[in-house]
Amino acid sequence: MLAKDIKLGQRVRVATNNMTALIVGKPEYYSPSSKLVRIKYENSTRFEYMINTALELLPTEEQFPAYGGTHERKPGEF
């Protein structure tokens, strides 16, 4: 995933562990070819910085309505 395409609130799949996460921070400088992005795993209190190339944007239908998708949080999800 390119750093310029990252937007707050997008849902992504993390390649290293195949978990779904939300982008909660803007890309930060790491090296000329990669950026660190702050993410929060769904249904977890865990936050991490992940290299942008290890993130894969979920399809549009799995995004929140603000990004053209139909995903809604169920009661009890965080």
N, C-alpha and C. Protein backbone atom coordinates (compact mmCIF):
# COMPACT_ATOMS: atom_id res chain seq x y z
N MET A 1 0.84 -1.17 0.00
CA MET A 1 0.00 0.00 0.00
C MET A 1 0.90 1.24 0.00
N LEU A 2 0.62 2.17 -0.87
CA LEU A 2 1.42 3.38 -0.96
C LEU A 2 1.04 4.35 0.15
N ALA A 3 2.01 5.05 0.68
CA ALA A 3 1.78 5.98 1.79
C ALA A 3 0.81 7.09 1.38
N LYS A 4 0.85 7.53 0.13
CA LYS A 4 -0.03 8.62 -0.31
C LYS A 4 -1.49 8.20 -0.37
N ASP A 5 -1.78 6.90 -0.41
CA ASP A 5 -3.15 6.40 -0.49
C ASP A 5 -3.78 6.14 0.88
N ILE A 6 -3.01 6.30 1.95
CA ILE A 6 -3.49 5.98 3.30
C ILE A 6 -4.34 7.11 3.84
N LYS A 7 -5.54 6.74 4.37
CA LYS A 7 -6.44 7.71 4.98
C LYS A 7 -6.88 7.19 6.34
N LEU A 8 -7.07 8.09 7.28
CA LEU A 8 -7.52 7.72 8.62
C LEU A 8 -8.86 7.00 8.55
N GLY A 9 -8.99 5.92 9.30
CA GLY A 9 -10.26 5.20 9.37
C GLY A 9 -10.42 4.08 8.37
N GLN A 10 -9.48 3.91 7.45
CA GLN A 10 -9.58 2.81 6.49
C GLN A 10 -9.29 1.49 7.19
N ARG A 11 -9.94 0.43 6.70
CA ARG A 11 -9.70 -0.92 7.22
C ARG A 11 -8.67 -1.59 6.33
N VAL A 12 -7.70 -2.24 6.95
CA VAL A 12 -6.61 -2.89 6.22
C VAL A 12 -6.36 -4.28 6.78
N ARG A 13 -5.71 -5.12 5.98
CA ARG A 13 -5.24 -6.43 6.41
C ARG A 13 -3.74 -6.32 6.58
N VAL A 14 -3.24 -6.79 7.71
CA VAL A 14 -1.81 -6.76 8.00
C VAL A 14 -1.20 -8.05 7.47
N ALA A 15 -0.25 -7.94 6.57
CA ALA A 15 0.32 -9.11 5.89
C ALA A 15 1.07 -10.04 6.84
N THR A 16 1.69 -9.51 7.87
CA THR A 16 2.52 -10.33 8.74
C THR A 16 1.73 -11.28 9.63
N ASN A 17 0.48 -10.92 9.96
CA ASN A 17 -0.31 -11.79 10.85
C ASN A 17 -1.74 -12.03 10.36
N ASN A 18 -2.08 -11.48 9.20
CA ASN A 18 -3.38 -11.67 8.56
C ASN A 18 -4.55 -11.18 9.42
N MET A 19 -4.31 -10.17 10.25
CA MET A 19 -5.36 -9.59 11.09
C MET A 19 -5.88 -8.30 10.45
N THR A 20 -7.13 -7.95 10.79
CA THR A 20 -7.74 -6.73 10.29
C THR A 20 -7.46 -5.61 11.28
N ALA A 21 -7.16 -4.42 10.74
CA ALA A 21 -6.83 -3.28 11.58
C ALA A 21 -7.41 -2.00 10.97
N LEU A 22 -7.46 -0.96 11.78
CA LEU A 22 -7.86 0.37 11.35
C LEU A 22 -6.65 1.28 11.34
N ILE A 23 -6.60 2.16 10.37
CA ILE A 23 -5.53 3.15 10.34
C ILE A 23 -5.94 4.29 11.26
N VAL A 24 -5.09 4.59 12.24
CA VAL A 24 -5.41 5.63 13.22
C VAL A 24 -4.38 6.75 13.26
N GLY A 25 -3.42 6.72 12.36
CA GLY A 25 -2.41 7.77 12.32
C GLY A 25 -1.91 8.02 10.91
N LYS A 26 -1.37 9.19 10.70
CA LYS A 26 -0.80 9.53 9.39
C LYS A 26 0.55 8.83 9.22
N PRO A 27 0.93 8.54 8.00
CA PRO A 27 2.25 7.92 7.76
C PRO A 27 3.38 8.82 8.27
N GLU A 28 4.34 8.20 8.94
CA GLU A 28 5.49 8.93 9.47
C GLU A 28 6.75 8.43 8.77
N TYR A 29 7.73 9.30 8.68
CA TYR A 29 8.97 8.95 7.98
C TYR A 29 9.69 7.79 8.66
N TYR A 30 10.14 6.84 7.86
CA TYR A 30 10.95 5.72 8.35
C TYR A 30 12.20 5.60 7.49
N SER A 31 12.01 5.57 6.18
CA SER A 31 13.11 5.55 5.23
C SER A 31 12.57 6.14 3.93
N PRO A 32 13.44 6.40 2.96
CA PRO A 32 12.94 7.00 1.71
C PRO A 32 11.89 6.14 1.00
N SER A 33 11.94 4.82 1.18
CA SER A 33 11.01 3.96 0.43
C SER A 33 9.86 3.42 1.27
N SER A 34 9.85 3.67 2.58
CA SER A 34 8.75 3.15 3.40
C SER A 34 8.44 4.10 4.54
N LYS A 35 7.20 4.04 4.99
CA LYS A 35 6.71 4.89 6.07
C LYS A 35 6.10 4.01 7.16
N LEU A 36 6.10 4.49 8.39
CA LEU A 36 5.45 3.81 9.49
C LEU A 36 4.04 4.37 9.66
N VAL A 37 3.07 3.48 9.83
CA VAL A 37 1.67 3.88 9.96
C VAL A 37 1.15 3.32 11.28
N ARG A 38 0.49 4.16 12.06
CA ARG A 38 -0.10 3.71 13.33
C ARG A 38 -1.42 3.02 13.04
N ILE A 39 -1.58 1.78 13.54
CA ILE A 39 -2.80 1.00 13.33
C ILE A 39 -3.34 0.51 14.67
N LYS A 40 -4.63 0.17 14.67
CA LYS A 40 -5.27 -0.45 15.83
C LYS A 40 -5.97 -1.70 15.33
N TYR A 41 -5.66 -2.83 15.93
CA TYR A 41 -6.29 -4.08 15.54
C TYR A 41 -7.75 -4.09 15.98
N GLU A 42 -8.63 -4.61 15.14
CA GLU A 42 -10.05 -4.68 15.48
C GLU A 42 -10.27 -5.68 16.61
N ASN A 43 -11.21 -5.37 17.48
CA ASN A 43 -11.55 -6.18 18.65
C ASN A 43 -10.35 -6.42 19.55
N SER A 44 -9.50 -5.43 19.66
CA SER A 44 -8.32 -5.52 20.50
C SER A 44 -7.98 -4.11 21.00
N THR A 45 -7.25 -4.03 22.07
CA THR A 45 -6.77 -2.73 22.54
C THR A 45 -5.34 -2.48 22.06
N ARG A 46 -4.85 -3.33 21.19
CA ARG A 46 -3.46 -3.29 20.73
C ARG A 46 -3.27 -2.28 19.59
N PHE A 47 -2.32 -1.39 19.78
CA PHE A 47 -1.91 -0.44 18.75
C PHE A 47 -0.48 -0.79 18.34
N GLU A 48 -0.15 -0.55 17.08
CA GLU A 48 1.22 -0.80 16.60
C GLU A 48 1.57 0.18 15.50
N TYR A 49 2.85 0.31 15.26
CA TYR A 49 3.33 0.97 14.05
C TYR A 49 3.68 -0.14 13.07
N MET A 50 3.21 -0.01 11.84
CA MET A 50 3.46 -1.02 10.81
C MET A 50 3.99 -0.31 9.56
N ILE A 51 4.91 -0.95 8.88
CA ILE A 51 5.44 -0.40 7.62
C ILE A 51 4.34 -0.46 6.57
N ASN A 52 4.18 0.62 5.82
CA ASN A 52 3.08 0.74 4.87
C ASN A 52 3.05 -0.39 3.83
N THR A 53 4.18 -0.98 3.49
CA THR A 53 4.19 -2.05 2.50
C THR A 53 3.63 -3.36 3.05
N ALA A 54 3.46 -3.46 4.38
CA ALA A 54 2.90 -4.66 5.00
C ALA A 54 1.39 -4.55 5.19
N LEU A 55 0.80 -3.46 4.69
CA LEU A 55 -0.64 -3.26 4.82
C LEU A 55 -1.32 -3.42 3.47
N GLU A 56 -2.47 -4.07 3.47
CA GLU A 56 -3.25 -4.26 2.25
C GLU A 56 -4.65 -3.73 2.50
N LEU A 57 -5.09 -2.79 1.69
CA LEU A 57 -6.42 -2.19 1.84
C LEU A 57 -7.49 -3.24 1.58
N LEU A 58 -8.49 -3.31 2.46
CA LEU A 58 -9.61 -4.24 2.25
C LEU A 58 -10.46 -3.74 1.09
N PRO A 59 -11.23 -4.62 0.43
CA PRO A 59 -12.09 -4.19 -0.67
C PRO A 59 -13.09 -3.13 -0.22
N THR A 60 -13.58 -2.34 -1.16
CA THR A 60 -14.50 -1.24 -0.86
C THR A 60 -15.71 -1.69 -0.07
N GLU A 61 -16.30 -2.84 -0.40
CA GLU A 61 -17.49 -3.30 0.30
C GLU A 61 -17.23 -3.63 1.77
N GLU A 62 -15.97 -3.83 2.16
CA GLU A 62 -15.63 -4.12 3.56
C GLU A 62 -15.16 -2.88 4.32
N GLN A 63 -15.22 -1.71 3.67
CA GLN A 63 -14.84 -0.46 4.32
C GLN A 63 -16.06 0.14 5.03
N PHE A 64 -15.83 1.15 5.85
CA PHE A 64 -16.91 1.87 6.49
C PHE A 64 -17.65 2.71 5.46
N PRO A 65 -18.91 3.09 5.74
CA PRO A 65 -19.70 3.87 4.76
C PRO A 65 -19.01 5.16 4.30
N ALA A 66 -18.21 5.78 5.13
CA ALA A 66 -17.50 7.00 4.73
C ALA A 66 -16.56 6.76 3.55
N TYR A 67 -16.15 5.51 3.36
CA TYR A 67 -15.26 5.16 2.25
C TYR A 67 -15.97 4.32 1.21
N GLY A 68 -17.32 4.38 1.18
CA GLY A 68 -18.08 3.70 0.14
C GLY A 68 -18.45 2.27 0.44
N GLY A 69 -18.18 1.79 1.64
CA GLY A 69 -18.46 0.40 1.99
C GLY A 69 -19.76 0.24 2.76
N THR A 70 -19.98 -0.97 3.25
CA THR A 70 -21.19 -1.27 3.99
C THR A 70 -20.89 -1.83 5.38
N HIS A 71 -19.65 -1.83 5.80
CA HIS A 71 -19.29 -2.40 7.10
C HIS A 71 -19.82 -1.52 8.23
N GLU A 72 -20.50 -2.14 9.18
CA GLU A 72 -20.98 -1.46 10.38
C GLU A 72 -20.46 -2.22 11.59
N ARG A 73 -20.08 -1.50 12.62
CA ARG A 73 -19.65 -2.17 13.86
C ARG A 73 -20.83 -2.75 14.56
N LYS A 74 -20.67 -3.95 15.05
CA LYS A 74 -21.70 -4.61 15.84
C LYS A 74 -21.56 -4.17 17.28
N PRO A 75 -22.67 -4.20 18.05
CA PRO A 75 -22.56 -3.85 19.47
C PRO A 75 -21.53 -4.75 20.16
N GLY A 76 -20.69 -4.17 20.95
CA GLY A 76 -19.65 -4.93 21.65
C GLY A 76 -18.32 -4.96 20.93
N GLU A 77 -18.27 -4.54 19.67
CA GLU A 77 -16.99 -4.47 18.95
C GLU A 77 -16.28 -3.18 19.31
N PHE A 78 -14.96 -3.24 19.33
CA PHE A 78 -14.18 -2.03 19.58
C PHE A 78 -12.92 -2.06 18.78
